[in-house]
Every structure is written in C-alpha cells, then in structure tokens.
mmCIF file of all heavy atoms, coordinates in Angstrom:
data_MODEL
# 
_entry.id   MODEL 
# 
loop_
_atom_site.group_PDB 
_atom_site.id 
_atom_site.type_symbol 
_atom_site.label_atom_id 
_atom_site.label_alt_id 
_atom_site.label_comp_id 
_atom_site.label_asym_id 
_atom_site.label_entity_id 
_atom_site.label_seq_id 
_atom_site.pdbx_PDB_ins_code 
_atom_site.Cartn_x 
_atom_site.Cartn_y 
_atom_site.Cartn_z 
_atom_site.occupancy 
_atom_site.B_iso_or_equiv 
_atom_site.pdbx_formal_charge 
_atom_site.auth_seq_id 
_atom_site.auth_comp_id 
_atom_site.auth_asym_id 
_atom_site.auth_atom_id 
_atom_site.pdbx_PDB_model_num 
ATOM 1   N N   . ARG A 1 1  ? 6.276   26.907  6.791  1.00 0.00 ? 1  ARG A N   1 
ATOM 2   C CA  . ARG A 1 1  ? 6.744   26.410  8.078  1.00 0.00 ? 1  ARG A CA  1 
ATOM 3   C C   . ARG A 1 1  ? 6.810   24.883  8.037  1.00 0.00 ? 1  ARG A C   1 
ATOM 4   O O   . ARG A 1 1  ? 5.962   24.227  7.438  1.00 0.00 ? 1  ARG A O   1 
ATOM 5   C CB  . ARG A 1 1  ? 5.789   26.839  9.191  1.00 0.00 ? 1  ARG A CB  1 
ATOM 6   C CG  . ARG A 1 1  ? 5.805   28.328  9.445  1.00 0.00 ? 1  ARG A CG  1 
ATOM 7   C CD  . ARG A 1 1  ? 7.115   28.756  10.052 1.00 0.00 ? 1  ARG A CD  1 
ATOM 8   N NE  . ARG A 1 1  ? 7.172   30.198  10.273 1.00 0.00 ? 1  ARG A NE  1 
ATOM 9   C CZ  . ARG A 1 1  ? 8.239   30.828  10.714 1.00 0.00 ? 1  ARG A CZ  1 
ATOM 10  N NH1 . ARG A 1 1  ? 9.334   30.150  10.960 1.00 0.00 ? 1  ARG A NH1 1 
ATOM 11  N NH2 . ARG A 1 1  ? 8.216   32.128  10.883 1.00 0.00 ? 1  ARG A NH2 1 
ATOM 12  N N   . ALA A 1 2  ? 7.809   24.335  8.693  1.00 0.00 ? 2  ALA A N   1 
ATOM 13  C CA  . ALA A 1 2  ? 7.965   22.886  8.721  1.00 0.00 ? 2  ALA A CA  1 
ATOM 14  C C   . ALA A 1 2  ? 7.001   22.277  9.739  1.00 0.00 ? 2  ALA A C   1 
ATOM 15  O O   . ALA A 1 2  ? 6.711   22.865  10.772 1.00 0.00 ? 2  ALA A O   1 
ATOM 16  C CB  . ALA A 1 2  ? 9.398   22.503  9.073  1.00 0.00 ? 2  ALA A CB  1 
ATOM 17  N N   . LEU A 1 3  ? 6.488   21.092  9.415  1.00 0.00 ? 3  LEU A N   1 
ATOM 18  C CA  . LEU A 1 3  ? 5.639   20.331  10.320 1.00 0.00 ? 3  LEU A CA  1 
ATOM 19  C C   . LEU A 1 3  ? 6.150   18.904  10.329 1.00 0.00 ? 3  LEU A C   1 
ATOM 20  O O   . LEU A 1 3  ? 5.983   18.161  9.361  1.00 0.00 ? 3  LEU A O   1 
ATOM 21  C CB  . LEU A 1 3  ? 4.175   20.369  9.873  1.00 0.00 ? 3  LEU A CB  1 
ATOM 22  C CG  . LEU A 1 3  ? 3.203   19.536  10.716 1.00 0.00 ? 3  LEU A CG  1 
ATOM 23  C CD1 . LEU A 1 3  ? 3.190   20.045  12.147 1.00 0.00 ? 3  LEU A CD1 1 
ATOM 24  C CD2 . LEU A 1 3  ? 1.809   19.566  10.117 1.00 0.00 ? 3  LEU A CD2 1 
ATOM 25  N N   . ARG A 1 4  ? 6.805   18.531  11.400 1.00 0.00 ? 4  ARG A N   1 
ATOM 26  C CA  . ARG A 1 4  ? 7.407   17.206  11.490 1.00 0.00 ? 4  ARG A CA  1 
ATOM 27  C C   . ARG A 1 4  ? 6.367   16.190  11.946 1.00 0.00 ? 4  ARG A C   1 
ATOM 28  O O   . ARG A 1 4  ? 5.762   16.321  13.005 1.00 0.00 ? 4  ARG A O   1 
ATOM 29  C CB  . ARG A 1 4  ? 8.568   17.217  12.496 1.00 0.00 ? 4  ARG A CB  1 
ATOM 30  C CG  . ARG A 1 4  ? 9.662   18.214  12.136 1.00 0.00 ? 4  ARG A CG  1 
ATOM 31  C CD  . ARG A 1 4  ? 10.286  17.911  10.791 1.00 0.00 ? 4  ARG A CD  1 
ATOM 32  N NE  . ARG A 1 4  ? 11.249  18.919  10.371 1.00 0.00 ? 4  ARG A NE  1 
ATOM 33  C CZ  . ARG A 1 4  ? 11.814  18.944  9.182  1.00 0.00 ? 4  ARG A CZ  1 
ATOM 34  N NH1 . ARG A 1 4  ? 11.512  18.011  8.299  1.00 0.00 ? 4  ARG A NH1 1 
ATOM 35  N NH2 . ARG A 1 4  ? 12.675  19.893  8.866  1.00 0.00 ? 4  ARG A NH2 1 
ATOM 36  N N   . LEU A 1 5  ? 6.151   15.184  11.097 1.00 0.00 ? 5  LEU A N   1 
ATOM 37  C CA  . LEU A 1 5  ? 5.236   14.095  11.409 1.00 0.00 ? 5  LEU A CA  1 
ATOM 38  C C   . LEU A 1 5  ? 5.953   12.776  11.187 1.00 0.00 ? 5  LEU A C   1 
ATOM 39  O O   . LEU A 1 5  ? 6.748   12.641  10.262 1.00 0.00 ? 5  LEU A O   1 
ATOM 40  C CB  . LEU A 1 5  ? 3.981   14.154  10.520 1.00 0.00 ? 5  LEU A CB  1 
ATOM 41  C CG  . LEU A 1 5  ? 3.077   15.381  10.697 1.00 0.00 ? 5  LEU A CG  1 
ATOM 42  C CD1 . LEU A 1 5  ? 1.997   15.389  9.635  1.00 0.00 ? 5  LEU A CD1 1 
ATOM 43  C CD2 . LEU A 1 5  ? 2.457   15.384  12.085 1.00 0.00 ? 5  LEU A CD2 1 
ATOM 44  N N   . ALA A 1 6  ? 5.648   11.814  12.018 1.00 0.00 ? 6  ALA A N   1 
ATOM 45  C CA  . ALA A 1 6  ? 6.278   10.499  11.883 1.00 0.00 ? 6  ALA A CA  1 
ATOM 46  C C   . ALA A 1 6  ? 5.683   9.778   10.697 1.00 0.00 ? 6  ALA A C   1 
ATOM 47  O O   . ALA A 1 6  ? 4.474   9.578   10.619 1.00 0.00 ? 6  ALA A O   1 
ATOM 48  C CB  . ALA A 1 6  ? 6.071   9.679   13.150 1.00 0.00 ? 6  ALA A CB  1 
ATOM 49  N N   . GLY A 1 7  ? 6.512   9.403   9.757  1.00 0.00 ? 7  GLY A N   1 
ATOM 50  C CA  . GLY A 1 7  ? 6.049   8.652   8.593  1.00 0.00 ? 7  GLY A CA  1 
ATOM 51  C C   . GLY A 1 7  ? 6.286   7.177   8.770  1.00 0.00 ? 7  GLY A C   1 
ATOM 52  O O   . GLY A 1 7  ? 6.385   6.647   9.868  1.00 0.00 ? 7  GLY A O   1 
ATOM 53  N N   . GLY A 1 8  ? 6.418   6.499   7.658  1.00 0.00 ? 8  GLY A N   1 
ATOM 54  C CA  . GLY A 1 8  ? 6.700   5.068   7.694  1.00 0.00 ? 8  GLY A CA  1 
ATOM 55  C C   . GLY A 1 8  ? 5.480   4.236   7.979  1.00 0.00 ? 8  GLY A C   1 
ATOM 56  O O   . GLY A 1 8  ? 4.346   4.685   7.898  1.00 0.00 ? 8  GLY A O   1 
ATOM 57  N N   . GLU A 1 9  ? 5.693   2.998   8.348  1.00 0.00 ? 9  GLU A N   1 
ATOM 58  C CA  . GLU A 1 9  ? 4.596   2.060   8.605  1.00 0.00 ? 9  GLU A CA  1 
ATOM 59  C C   . GLU A 1 9  ? 3.958   2.383   9.942  1.00 0.00 ? 9  GLU A C   1 
ATOM 60  O O   . GLU A 1 9  ? 4.639   2.561   10.950 1.00 0.00 ? 9  GLU A O   1 
ATOM 61  C CB  . GLU A 1 9  ? 5.136   0.629   8.616  1.00 0.00 ? 9  GLU A CB  1 
ATOM 62  C CG  . GLU A 1 9  ? 4.052   -0.430  8.747  1.00 0.00 ? 9  GLU A CG  1 
ATOM 63  C CD  . GLU A 1 9  ? 3.170   -0.499  7.524  1.00 0.00 ? 9  GLU A CD  1 
ATOM 64  O OE1 . GLU A 1 9  ? 3.642   -0.098  6.439  1.00 0.00 ? 9  GLU A OE1 1 
ATOM 65  O OE2 . GLU A 1 9  ? 2.026   -0.940  7.643  1.00 0.00 ? 9  GLU A OE2 1 
ATOM 66  N N   . TRP A 1 10 ? 2.650   2.493   9.967  1.00 0.00 ? 10 TRP A N   1 
ATOM 67  C CA  . TRP A 1 10 ? 1.943   2.818   11.197 1.00 0.00 ? 10 TRP A CA  1 
ATOM 68  C C   . TRP A 1 10 ? 1.753   1.568   12.030 1.00 0.00 ? 10 TRP A C   1 
ATOM 69  O O   . TRP A 1 10 ? 1.667   0.452   11.542 1.00 0.00 ? 10 TRP A O   1 
ATOM 70  C CB  . TRP A 1 10 ? 0.606   3.468   10.868 1.00 0.00 ? 10 TRP A CB  1 
ATOM 71  C CG  . TRP A 1 10 ? 0.783   4.799   10.209 1.00 0.00 ? 10 TRP A CG  1 
ATOM 72  C CD1 . TRP A 1 10 ? 1.895   5.577   10.210 1.00 0.00 ? 10 TRP A CD1 1 
ATOM 73  C CD2 . TRP A 1 10 ? -0.189  5.484   9.419  1.00 0.00 ? 10 TRP A CD2 1 
ATOM 74  N NE1 . TRP A 1 10 ? 1.691   6.712   9.491  1.00 0.00 ? 10 TRP A NE1 1 
ATOM 75  C CE2 . TRP A 1 10 ? 0.414   6.689   8.989  1.00 0.00 ? 10 TRP A CE2 1 
ATOM 76  C CE3 . TRP A 1 10 ? -1.493  5.224   9.041  1.00 0.00 ? 10 TRP A CE3 1 
ATOM 77  C CZ2 . TRP A 1 10 ? -0.247  7.608   8.212  1.00 0.00 ? 10 TRP A CZ2 1 
ATOM 78  C CZ3 . TRP A 1 10 ? -2.159  6.135   8.268  1.00 0.00 ? 10 TRP A CZ3 1 
ATOM 79  C CH2 . TRP A 1 10 ? -1.534  7.319   7.864  1.00 0.00 ? 10 TRP A CH2 1 
ATOM 80  N N   . ALA A 1 11 ? 1.654   1.760   13.331 1.00 0.00 ? 11 ALA A N   1 
ATOM 81  C CA  . ALA A 1 11 ? 1.659   0.636   14.267 1.00 0.00 ? 11 ALA A CA  1 
ATOM 82  C C   . ALA A 1 11 ? 0.288   0.057   14.546 1.00 0.00 ? 11 ALA A C   1 
ATOM 83  O O   . ALA A 1 11 ? 0.172   -0.937  15.230 1.00 0.00 ? 11 ALA A O   1 
ATOM 84  C CB  . ALA A 1 11 ? 2.274   1.081   15.596 1.00 0.00 ? 11 ALA A CB  1 
ATOM 85  N N   . LEU A 1 12 ? -0.799  0.671   14.004 1.00 0.00 ? 12 LEU A N   1 
ATOM 86  C CA  . LEU A 1 12 ? -2.135  0.192   14.341 1.00 0.00 ? 12 LEU A CA  1 
ATOM 87  C C   . LEU A 1 12 ? -2.338  -1.251  13.899 1.00 0.00 ? 12 LEU A C   1 
ATOM 88  O O   . LEU A 1 12 ? -2.809  -2.097  14.655 1.00 0.00 ? 12 LEU A O   1 
ATOM 89  C CB  . LEU A 1 12 ? -3.186  1.102   13.678 1.00 0.00 ? 12 LEU A CB  1 
ATOM 90  C CG  . LEU A 1 12 ? -4.645  0.657   13.822 1.00 0.00 ? 12 LEU A CG  1 
ATOM 91  C CD1 . LEU A 1 12 ? -5.031  0.629   15.297 1.00 0.00 ? 12 LEU A CD1 1 
ATOM 92  C CD2 . LEU A 1 12 ? -5.573  1.561   13.035 1.00 0.00 ? 12 LEU A CD2 1 
ATOM 93  N N   . ALA A 1 13 ? -1.966  -1.534  12.642 1.00 0.00 ? 13 ALA A N   1 
ATOM 94  C CA  . ALA A 1 13 ? -2.184  -2.890  12.131 1.00 0.00 ? 13 ALA A CA  1 
ATOM 95  C C   . ALA A 1 13 ? -1.342  -3.909  12.890 1.00 0.00 ? 13 ALA A C   1 
ATOM 96  O O   . ALA A 1 13 ? -1.740  -5.055  13.048 1.00 0.00 ? 13 ALA A O   1 
ATOM 97  C CB  . ALA A 1 13 ? -1.862  -2.948  10.632 1.00 0.00 ? 13 ALA A CB  1 
ATOM 98  N N   . ARG A 1 14 ? -0.160  -3.500  13.394 1.00 0.00 ? 14 ARG A N   1 
ATOM 99  C CA  . ARG A 1 14 ? 0.684   -4.450  14.110 1.00 0.00 ? 14 ARG A CA  1 
ATOM 100 C C   . ARG A 1 14 ? 0.136   -4.759  15.502 1.00 0.00 ? 14 ARG A C   1 
ATOM 101 O O   . ARG A 1 14 ? 0.399   -5.796  16.078 1.00 0.00 ? 14 ARG A O   1 
ATOM 102 C CB  . ARG A 1 14 ? 2.106   -3.906  14.211 1.00 0.00 ? 14 ARG A CB  1 
ATOM 103 C CG  . ARG A 1 14 ? 2.816   -3.828  12.876 1.00 0.00 ? 14 ARG A CG  1 
ATOM 104 C CD  . ARG A 1 14 ? 4.306   -3.641  13.090 1.00 0.00 ? 14 ARG A CD  1 
ATOM 105 N NE  . ARG A 1 14 ? 4.622   -2.382  13.729 1.00 0.00 ? 14 ARG A NE  1 
ATOM 106 C CZ  . ARG A 1 14 ? 4.857   -1.259  13.071 1.00 0.00 ? 14 ARG A CZ  1 
ATOM 107 N NH1 . ARG A 1 14 ? 4.739   -1.226  11.751 1.00 0.00 ? 14 ARG A NH1 1 
ATOM 108 N NH2 . ARG A 1 14 ? 5.166   -0.154  13.715 1.00 0.00 ? 14 ARG A NH2 1 
ATOM 109 N N   . ARG A 1 15 ? -0.641  -3.817  16.069 1.00 0.00 ? 15 ARG A N   1 
ATOM 110 C CA  . ARG A 1 15 ? -1.186  -4.058  17.398 1.00 0.00 ? 15 ARG A CA  1 
ATOM 111 C C   . ARG A 1 15 ? -2.404  -4.973  17.364 1.00 0.00 ? 15 ARG A C   1 
ATOM 112 O O   . ARG A 1 15 ? -2.757  -5.564  18.379 1.00 0.00 ? 15 ARG A O   1 
ATOM 113 C CB  . ARG A 1 15 ? -1.555  -2.719  18.049 1.00 0.00 ? 15 ARG A CB  1 
ATOM 114 C CG  . ARG A 1 15 ? -0.364  -1.860  18.442 1.00 0.00 ? 15 ARG A CG  1 
ATOM 115 C CD  . ARG A 1 15 ? -0.777  -0.791  19.432 1.00 0.00 ? 15 ARG A CD  1 
ATOM 116 N NE  . ARG A 1 15 ? -1.795  0.087   18.880 1.00 0.00 ? 15 ARG A NE  1 
ATOM 117 C CZ  . ARG A 1 15 ? -1.535  1.245   18.291 1.00 0.00 ? 15 ARG A CZ  1 
ATOM 118 N NH1 . ARG A 1 15 ? -0.283  1.639   18.141 1.00 0.00 ? 15 ARG A NH1 1 
ATOM 119 N NH2 . ARG A 1 15 ? -2.499  2.010   17.846 1.00 0.00 ? 15 ARG A NH2 1 
ATOM 120 N N   . LEU A 1 16 ? -3.094  -5.049  16.224 1.00 0.00 ? 16 LEU A N   1 
ATOM 121 C CA  . LEU A 1 16 ? -4.284  -5.888  16.141 1.00 0.00 ? 16 LEU A CA  1 
ATOM 122 C C   . LEU A 1 16 ? -3.866  -7.348  15.997 1.00 0.00 ? 16 LEU A C   1 
ATOM 123 O O   . LEU A 1 16 ? -3.099  -7.689  15.092 1.00 0.00 ? 16 LEU A O   1 
ATOM 124 C CB  . LEU A 1 16 ? -5.148  -5.469  14.949 1.00 0.00 ? 16 LEU A CB  1 
ATOM 125 C CG  . LEU A 1 16 ? -5.823  -4.089  15.059 1.00 0.00 ? 16 LEU A CG  1 
ATOM 126 C CD1 . LEU A 1 16 ? -6.527  -3.754  13.764 1.00 0.00 ? 16 LEU A CD1 1 
ATOM 127 C CD2 . LEU A 1 16 ? -6.785  -4.053  16.235 1.00 0.00 ? 16 LEU A CD2 1 
ATOM 128 N N   . PRO A 1 17 ? -4.360  -8.248  16.849 1.00 0.00 ? 17 PRO A N   1 
ATOM 129 C CA  . PRO A 1 17 ? -3.988  -9.664  16.717 1.00 0.00 ? 17 PRO A CA  1 
ATOM 130 C C   . PRO A 1 17 ? -4.670  -10.288 15.503 1.00 0.00 ? 17 PRO A C   1 
ATOM 131 O O   . PRO A 1 17 ? -5.756  -9.887  15.095 1.00 0.00 ? 17 PRO A O   1 
ATOM 132 C CB  . PRO A 1 17 ? -4.510  -10.272 18.025 1.00 0.00 ? 17 PRO A CB  1 
ATOM 133 C CG  . PRO A 1 17 ? -5.646  -9.378  18.430 1.00 0.00 ? 17 PRO A CG  1 
ATOM 134 C CD  . PRO A 1 17 ? -5.265  -8.006  17.988 1.00 0.00 ? 17 PRO A CD  1 
ATOM 135 N N   . ASP A 1 18 ? -4.012  -11.277 14.927 1.00 0.00 ? 18 ASP A N   1 
ATOM 136 C CA  . ASP A 1 18 ? -4.601  -12.013 13.810 1.00 0.00 ? 18 ASP A CA  1 
ATOM 137 C C   . ASP A 1 18 ? -5.743  -12.885 14.323 1.00 0.00 ? 18 ASP A C   1 
ATOM 138 O O   . ASP A 1 18 ? -5.580  -13.618 15.305 1.00 0.00 ? 18 ASP A O   1 
ATOM 139 C CB  . ASP A 1 18 ? -3.548  -12.908 13.142 1.00 0.00 ? 18 ASP A CB  1 
ATOM 140 C CG  . ASP A 1 18 ? -2.588  -12.098 12.297 1.00 0.00 ? 18 ASP A CG  1 
ATOM 141 O OD1 . ASP A 1 18 ? -3.012  -11.061 11.768 1.00 0.00 ? 18 ASP A OD1 1 
ATOM 142 O OD2 . ASP A 1 18 ? -1.416  -12.504 12.180 1.00 0.00 ? 18 ASP A OD2 1 
ATOM 143 N N   . PRO A 1 19 ? -6.924  -12.829 13.685 1.00 0.00 ? 19 PRO A N   1 
ATOM 144 C CA  . PRO A 1 19 ? -8.003  -13.728 14.104 1.00 0.00 ? 19 PRO A CA  1 
ATOM 145 C C   . PRO A 1 19 ? -7.645  -15.170 13.781 1.00 0.00 ? 19 PRO A C   1 
ATOM 146 O O   . PRO A 1 19 ? -6.837  -15.436 12.884 1.00 0.00 ? 19 PRO A O   1 
ATOM 147 C CB  . PRO A 1 19 ? -9.198  -13.248 13.273 1.00 0.00 ? 19 PRO A CB  1 
ATOM 148 C CG  . PRO A 1 19 ? -8.606  -12.543 12.101 1.00 0.00 ? 19 PRO A CG  1 
ATOM 149 C CD  . PRO A 1 19 ? -7.320  -11.955 12.576 1.00 0.00 ? 19 PRO A CD  1 
ATOM 150 N N   . PRO A 1 20 ? -8.221  -16.110 14.498 1.00 0.00 ? 20 PRO A N   1 
ATOM 151 C CA  . PRO A 1 20 ? -7.940  -17.521 14.192 1.00 0.00 ? 20 PRO A CA  1 
ATOM 152 C C   . PRO A 1 20 ? -8.318  -17.872 12.757 1.00 0.00 ? 20 PRO A C   1 
ATOM 153 O O   . PRO A 1 20 ? -9.245  -17.297 12.181 1.00 0.00 ? 20 PRO A O   1 
ATOM 154 C CB  . PRO A 1 20 ? -8.804  -18.276 15.208 1.00 0.00 ? 20 PRO A CB  1 
ATOM 155 C CG  . PRO A 1 20 ? -9.071  -17.296 16.295 1.00 0.00 ? 20 PRO A CG  1 
ATOM 156 C CD  . PRO A 1 20 ? -9.107  -15.953 15.654 1.00 0.00 ? 20 PRO A CD  1 
ATOM 157 N N   . VAL A 1 21 ? -7.596  -18.832 12.205 1.00 0.00 ? 21 VAL A N   1 
ATOM 158 C CA  . VAL A 1 21 ? -7.833  -19.216 10.815 1.00 0.00 ? 21 VAL A CA  1 
ATOM 159 C C   . VAL A 1 21 ? -9.256  -19.728 10.629 1.00 0.00 ? 21 VAL A C   1 
ATOM 160 O O   . VAL A 1 21 ? -9.932  -19.404 9.639  1.00 0.00 ? 21 VAL A O   1 
ATOM 161 C CB  . VAL A 1 21 ? -6.804  -20.282 10.375 1.00 0.00 ? 21 VAL A CB  1 
ATOM 162 C CG1 . VAL A 1 21 ? -7.131  -20.807 8.985  1.00 0.00 ? 21 VAL A CG1 1 
ATOM 163 C CG2 . VAL A 1 21 ? -5.400  -19.698 10.411 1.00 0.00 ? 21 VAL A CG2 1 
ATOM 164 N N   . MET A 1 22 ? -9.767  -20.525 11.583 1.00 0.00 ? 22 MET A N   1 
ATOM 165 C CA  . MET A 1 22 ? -11.105 -21.069 11.470 1.00 0.00 ? 22 MET A CA  1 
ATOM 166 C C   . MET A 1 22 ? -12.154 -19.962 11.443 1.00 0.00 ? 22 MET A C   1 
ATOM 167 O O   . MET A 1 22 ? -13.073 -19.948 10.616 1.00 0.00 ? 22 MET A O   1 
ATOM 168 C CB  . MET A 1 22 ? -11.371 -22.038 12.625 1.00 0.00 ? 22 MET A CB  1 
ATOM 169 C CG  . MET A 1 22 ? -12.770 -22.663 12.593 1.00 0.00 ? 22 MET A CG  1 
ATOM 170 S SD  . MET A 1 22 ? -13.027 -23.694 11.129 1.00 0.00 ? 22 MET A SD  1 
ATOM 171 C CE  . MET A 1 22 ? -11.911 -25.053 11.526 1.00 0.00 ? 22 MET A CE  1 
ATOM 172 N N   . MET A 1 23 ? -12.011 -18.973 12.364 1.00 0.00 ? 23 MET A N   1 
ATOM 173 C CA  . MET A 1 23 ? -12.971 -17.876 12.420 1.00 0.00 ? 23 MET A CA  1 
ATOM 174 C C   . MET A 1 23 ? -12.930 -17.050 11.134 1.00 0.00 ? 23 MET A C   1 
ATOM 175 O O   . MET A 1 23 ? -13.966 -16.668 10.578 1.00 0.00 ? 23 MET A O   1 
ATOM 176 C CB  . MET A 1 23 ? -12.688 -16.987 13.624 1.00 0.00 ? 23 MET A CB  1 
ATOM 177 C CG  . MET A 1 23 ? -13.742 -15.895 13.830 1.00 0.00 ? 23 MET A CG  1 
ATOM 178 S SD  . MET A 1 23 ? -13.358 -14.802 15.220 1.00 0.00 ? 23 MET A SD  1 
ATOM 179 C CE  . MET A 1 23 ? -12.117 -13.765 14.463 1.00 0.00 ? 23 MET A CE  1 
ATOM 180 N N   . ALA A 1 24 ? -11.724 -16.760 10.639 1.00 0.00 ? 24 ALA A N   1 
ATOM 181 C CA  . ALA A 1 24 ? -11.596 -15.988 9.410  1.00 0.00 ? 24 ALA A CA  1 
ATOM 182 C C   . ALA A 1 24 ? -12.187 -16.738 8.224  1.00 0.00 ? 24 ALA A C   1 
ATOM 183 O O   . ALA A 1 24 ? -12.853 -16.148 7.365  1.00 0.00 ? 24 ALA A O   1 
ATOM 184 C CB  . ALA A 1 24 ? -10.131 -15.658 9.150  1.00 0.00 ? 24 ALA A CB  1 
ATOM 185 N N   . SER A 1 25 ? -11.973 -18.060 8.183  1.00 0.00 ? 25 SER A N   1 
ATOM 186 C CA  . SER A 1 25 ? -12.510 -18.852 7.075  1.00 0.00 ? 25 SER A CA  1 
ATOM 187 C C   . SER A 1 25 ? -14.030 -18.870 7.095  1.00 0.00 ? 25 SER A C   1 
ATOM 188 O O   . SER A 1 25 ? -14.684 -18.717 6.050  1.00 0.00 ? 25 SER A O   1 
ATOM 189 C CB  . SER A 1 25 ? -11.962 -20.282 7.136  1.00 0.00 ? 25 SER A CB  1 
ATOM 190 O OG  . SER A 1 25 ? -10.550 -20.287 7.072  1.00 0.00 ? 25 SER A OG  1 
ATOM 191 N N   . ILE A 1 26 ? -14.628 -19.073 8.288  1.00 0.00 ? 26 ILE A N   1 
ATOM 192 C CA  . ILE A 1 26 ? -16.098 -19.083 8.386  1.00 0.00 ? 26 ILE A CA  1 
ATOM 193 C C   . ILE A 1 26 ? -16.667 -17.718 8.027  1.00 0.00 ? 26 ILE A C   1 
ATOM 194 O O   . ILE A 1 26 ? -17.655 -17.605 7.283  1.00 0.00 ? 26 ILE A O   1 
ATOM 195 C CB  . ILE A 1 26 ? -16.523 -19.506 9.799  1.00 0.00 ? 26 ILE A CB  1 
ATOM 196 C CG1 . ILE A 1 26 ? -16.117 -20.955 10.067 1.00 0.00 ? 26 ILE A CG1 1 
ATOM 197 C CG2 . ILE A 1 26 ? -18.023 -19.325 9.985  1.00 0.00 ? 26 ILE A CG2 1 
ATOM 198 C CD1 . ILE A 1 26 ? -16.397 -21.425 11.489 1.00 0.00 ? 26 ILE A CD1 1 
ATOM 199 N N   . THR A 1 27 ? -16.048 -16.651 8.549  1.00 0.00 ? 27 THR A N   1 
ATOM 200 C CA  . THR A 1 27 ? -16.538 -15.300 8.276  1.00 0.00 ? 27 THR A CA  1 
ATOM 201 C C   . THR A 1 27 ? -16.490 -14.991 6.782  1.00 0.00 ? 27 THR A C   1 
ATOM 202 O O   . THR A 1 27 ? -17.462 -14.499 6.199  1.00 0.00 ? 27 THR A O   1 
ATOM 203 C CB  . THR A 1 27 ? -15.710 -14.272 9.052  1.00 0.00 ? 27 THR A CB  1 
ATOM 204 O OG1 . THR A 1 27 ? -15.763 -14.568 10.441 1.00 0.00 ? 27 THR A OG1 1 
ATOM 205 C CG2 . THR A 1 27 ? -16.229 -12.868 8.814  1.00 0.00 ? 27 THR A CG2 1 
# 
C-alpha cells in the first residue's frame, strides 16, 4: 500500500532563529 509523506527539506531548522554571533562564540 502507498503511504504518501512529504519529503524534501524539513522546516524545523528554518523556524529556529540564528543565535547572536557573540553568544554562539562564547558558548
């Protein structure tokens, strides 16, 4: 039986904002 699922790039990573450069560097 066929099971249709959406492939491709998932949207979770696109919804997460980029942390500030300073915070990422310190971390």
